[in-house]
């Protein structure tokens, strides 16, 4: 039987995530309160964002100019 190694997802805290996407940490908090924005994980009283989710969010919100 083959075994698959599980790797733990990498996480960023609120400040790191805000810096990565170019917003203030307060914007992330406001988005969470409104139920919009990035998916997050609550661990006890701490909020963490998965690195993969942050990059997926950036990719999904990338605007590509169209040439005429």
N, C-alpha and C. Protein backbone atom coordinates (compact mmCIF):
# COMPACT_ATOMS: atom_id res chain seq x y z
N UNK A 1 0.85 -1.17 0.00
CA UNK A 1 0.00 0.00 0.00
C UNK A 1 0.90 1.24 0.00
N UNK A 2 0.63 2.15 -0.89
CA UNK A 2 1.41 3.38 -0.97
C UNK A 2 0.91 4.37 0.07
N UNK A 3 1.83 5.11 0.63
CA UNK A 3 1.44 6.13 1.59
C UNK A 3 1.67 7.49 0.95
N UNK A 4 0.83 8.40 1.29
CA UNK A 4 0.94 9.76 0.78
C UNK A 4 1.35 10.66 1.93
N UNK A 5 2.41 11.40 1.72
CA UNK A 5 2.87 12.32 2.75
C UNK A 5 1.97 13.56 2.73
N UNK A 6 1.47 13.92 3.87
CA UNK A 6 0.67 15.12 3.99
C UNK A 6 1.57 16.27 4.39
N UNK A 7 1.38 17.38 3.73
CA UNK A 7 2.14 18.56 4.11
C UNK A 7 1.17 19.59 4.66
N UNK A 8 1.58 20.23 5.71
CA UNK A 8 0.74 21.25 6.33
C UNK A 8 0.73 22.48 5.43
N UNK A 9 -0.43 23.11 5.29
CA UNK A 9 -0.47 24.33 4.48
C UNK A 9 0.33 25.44 5.16
N UNK A 10 0.90 26.29 4.35
CA UNK A 10 1.63 27.43 4.90
C UNK A 10 0.63 28.54 5.17
N UNK A 11 0.82 29.21 6.29
CA UNK A 11 -0.10 30.27 6.70
C UNK A 11 0.61 31.61 6.82
N UNK A 12 -0.16 32.67 6.63
CA UNK A 12 0.30 34.04 6.88
C UNK A 12 -0.61 34.64 7.93
N UNK A 13 -0.06 35.52 8.76
CA UNK A 13 -0.92 36.22 9.70
C UNK A 13 -1.56 37.42 8.99
N UNK A 14 -2.37 38.15 9.70
CA UNK A 14 -3.11 39.26 9.11
C UNK A 14 -2.18 40.34 8.54
N UNK A 15 -1.16 40.69 9.29
CA UNK A 15 -0.23 41.73 8.86
C UNK A 15 0.54 41.30 7.61
N UNK A 16 1.00 40.06 7.58
CA UNK A 16 1.73 39.54 6.43
C UNK A 16 0.83 39.50 5.20
N UNK A 17 -0.41 39.07 5.39
CA UNK A 17 -1.35 38.98 4.28
C UNK A 17 -1.66 40.36 3.72
N UNK A 18 -1.89 41.32 4.61
CA UNK A 18 -2.17 42.68 4.17
C UNK A 18 -1.01 43.23 3.33
N UNK A 19 0.20 43.00 3.79
CA UNK A 19 1.37 43.47 3.04
C UNK A 19 1.47 42.78 1.69
N UNK A 20 1.15 41.50 1.65
CA UNK A 20 1.26 40.71 0.41
C UNK A 20 0.28 41.20 -0.65
N UNK A 21 -0.93 41.60 -0.24
CA UNK A 21 -1.92 42.02 -1.23
C UNK A 21 -2.07 43.54 -1.32
N UNK A 22 -1.32 44.28 -0.52
CA UNK A 22 -1.29 45.73 -0.64
C UNK A 22 -2.47 46.46 -0.04
N UNK A 23 -2.98 45.94 1.07
CA UNK A 23 -4.06 46.62 1.79
C UNK A 23 -3.67 46.74 3.26
N UNK A 24 -4.47 47.47 4.01
CA UNK A 24 -4.23 47.57 5.44
C UNK A 24 -4.89 46.38 6.15
N UNK A 25 -4.33 46.03 7.30
CA UNK A 25 -4.90 44.94 8.09
C UNK A 25 -6.35 45.25 8.46
N UNK A 26 -6.66 46.52 8.66
CA UNK A 26 -8.03 46.91 8.99
C UNK A 26 -8.99 46.56 7.86
N UNK A 27 -8.53 46.61 6.63
CA UNK A 27 -9.37 46.23 5.49
C UNK A 27 -9.70 44.74 5.53
N UNK A 28 -8.72 43.93 5.90
CA UNK A 28 -8.97 42.49 6.03
C UNK A 28 -9.98 42.22 7.13
N UNK A 29 -9.85 42.93 8.25
CA UNK A 29 -10.80 42.76 9.36
C UNK A 29 -12.21 43.17 8.93
N UNK A 30 -12.30 44.29 8.21
CA UNK A 30 -13.61 44.76 7.75
C UNK A 30 -14.23 43.75 6.78
N UNK A 31 -13.42 43.20 5.89
CA UNK A 31 -13.91 42.18 4.95
C UNK A 31 -14.43 40.96 5.69
N UNK A 32 -13.69 40.51 6.71
CA UNK A 32 -14.14 39.34 7.49
C UNK A 32 -15.48 39.64 8.16
N UNK A 33 -15.59 40.83 8.71
CA UNK A 33 -16.82 41.23 9.40
C UNK A 33 -18.02 41.23 8.44
N UNK A 34 -17.77 41.67 7.19
CA UNK A 34 -18.83 41.72 6.17
C UNK A 34 -19.05 40.37 5.49
N UNK A 35 -18.16 39.41 5.74
CA UNK A 35 -18.30 38.09 5.13
C UNK A 35 -17.85 38.04 3.69
N UNK A 36 -16.92 38.91 3.32
CA UNK A 36 -16.38 38.93 1.96
C UNK A 36 -14.86 38.82 2.01
N UNK A 37 -14.25 38.76 0.85
CA UNK A 37 -12.79 38.76 0.81
C UNK A 37 -12.19 37.37 0.87
N UNK A 38 -10.99 37.32 1.39
CA UNK A 38 -10.20 36.10 1.44
C UNK A 38 -10.75 35.08 2.43
N UNK A 39 -10.67 33.80 2.06
CA UNK A 39 -10.98 32.77 3.06
C UNK A 39 -9.91 32.79 4.15
N UNK A 40 -10.30 32.48 5.36
CA UNK A 40 -9.35 32.50 6.47
C UNK A 40 -9.61 31.34 7.41
N UNK A 41 -8.65 31.12 8.29
CA UNK A 41 -8.74 30.07 9.29
C UNK A 41 -8.63 30.73 10.66
N UNK A 42 -9.57 30.39 11.55
CA UNK A 42 -9.49 30.90 12.92
C UNK A 42 -8.93 29.77 13.78
N UNK A 43 -7.81 30.04 14.42
CA UNK A 43 -7.18 29.10 15.33
C UNK A 43 -7.16 29.78 16.69
N UNK A 44 -8.02 29.33 17.58
CA UNK A 44 -8.23 30.00 18.86
C UNK A 44 -8.64 31.44 18.55
N UNK A 45 -7.91 32.42 19.03
CA UNK A 45 -8.24 33.83 18.76
C UNK A 45 -7.44 34.39 17.59
N UNK A 46 -6.69 33.56 16.92
CA UNK A 46 -5.81 34.04 15.85
C UNK A 46 -6.44 33.78 14.48
N UNK A 47 -6.21 34.72 13.59
CA UNK A 47 -6.67 34.61 12.21
C UNK A 47 -5.46 34.32 11.35
N UNK A 48 -5.59 33.32 10.49
CA UNK A 48 -4.51 32.96 9.57
C UNK A 48 -5.10 32.79 8.17
N UNK A 49 -4.27 33.12 7.19
CA UNK A 49 -4.64 32.98 5.79
C UNK A 49 -3.70 31.98 5.15
N UNK A 50 -4.25 31.04 4.39
CA UNK A 50 -3.42 30.07 3.68
C UNK A 50 -2.73 30.78 2.52
N UNK A 51 -1.44 30.52 2.35
CA UNK A 51 -0.67 31.13 1.27
C UNK A 51 -1.33 30.81 -0.07
N UNK A 52 -1.76 29.58 -0.26
CA UNK A 52 -2.39 29.18 -1.52
C UNK A 52 -3.66 30.00 -1.78
N UNK A 53 -4.44 30.29 -0.74
CA UNK A 53 -5.66 31.08 -0.91
C UNK A 53 -5.33 32.53 -1.28
N UNK A 54 -4.26 33.06 -0.69
CA UNK A 54 -3.85 34.43 -1.00
C UNK A 54 -3.46 34.54 -2.47
N UNK A 55 -2.65 33.60 -2.94
CA UNK A 55 -2.23 33.64 -4.35
C UNK A 55 -3.41 33.37 -5.28
N UNK A 56 -4.32 32.51 -4.90
CA UNK A 56 -5.51 32.26 -5.72
C UNK A 56 -6.37 33.53 -5.81
N UNK A 57 -6.48 34.25 -4.70
CA UNK A 57 -7.22 35.51 -4.68
C UNK A 57 -6.58 36.52 -5.62
N UNK A 58 -5.26 36.64 -5.55
CA UNK A 58 -4.56 37.57 -6.43
C UNK A 58 -4.74 37.19 -7.90
N UNK A 59 -4.66 35.91 -8.18
CA UNK A 59 -4.84 35.44 -9.56
C UNK A 59 -6.25 35.72 -10.06
N UNK A 60 -7.24 35.45 -9.22
CA UNK A 60 -8.63 35.65 -9.61
C UNK A 60 -8.96 37.13 -9.82
N UNK A 61 -8.22 38.01 -9.17
CA UNK A 61 -8.50 39.44 -9.27
C UNK A 61 -7.52 40.17 -10.18
N UNK A 62 -6.78 39.43 -10.97
CA UNK A 62 -5.85 40.04 -11.91
C UNK A 62 -6.63 40.54 -13.12
N UNK A 63 -6.39 41.79 -13.47
CA UNK A 63 -7.04 42.39 -14.63
C UNK A 63 -6.03 42.40 -15.77
N UNK A 64 -6.42 41.84 -16.88
CA UNK A 64 -5.56 41.81 -18.05
C UNK A 64 -6.14 42.76 -19.10
N UNK A 65 -5.38 43.82 -19.43
CA UNK A 65 -5.87 44.77 -20.44
C UNK A 65 -6.10 44.08 -21.78
N UNK A 66 -7.14 44.50 -22.44
CA UNK A 66 -7.43 43.94 -23.76
C UNK A 66 -6.91 44.89 -24.82
N UNK A 67 -6.26 44.35 -25.81
CA UNK A 67 -5.76 45.15 -26.93
C UNK A 67 -6.88 45.34 -27.94
N UNK A 68 -6.90 46.50 -28.54
CA UNK A 68 -7.90 46.77 -29.58
C UNK A 68 -7.51 46.15 -30.89
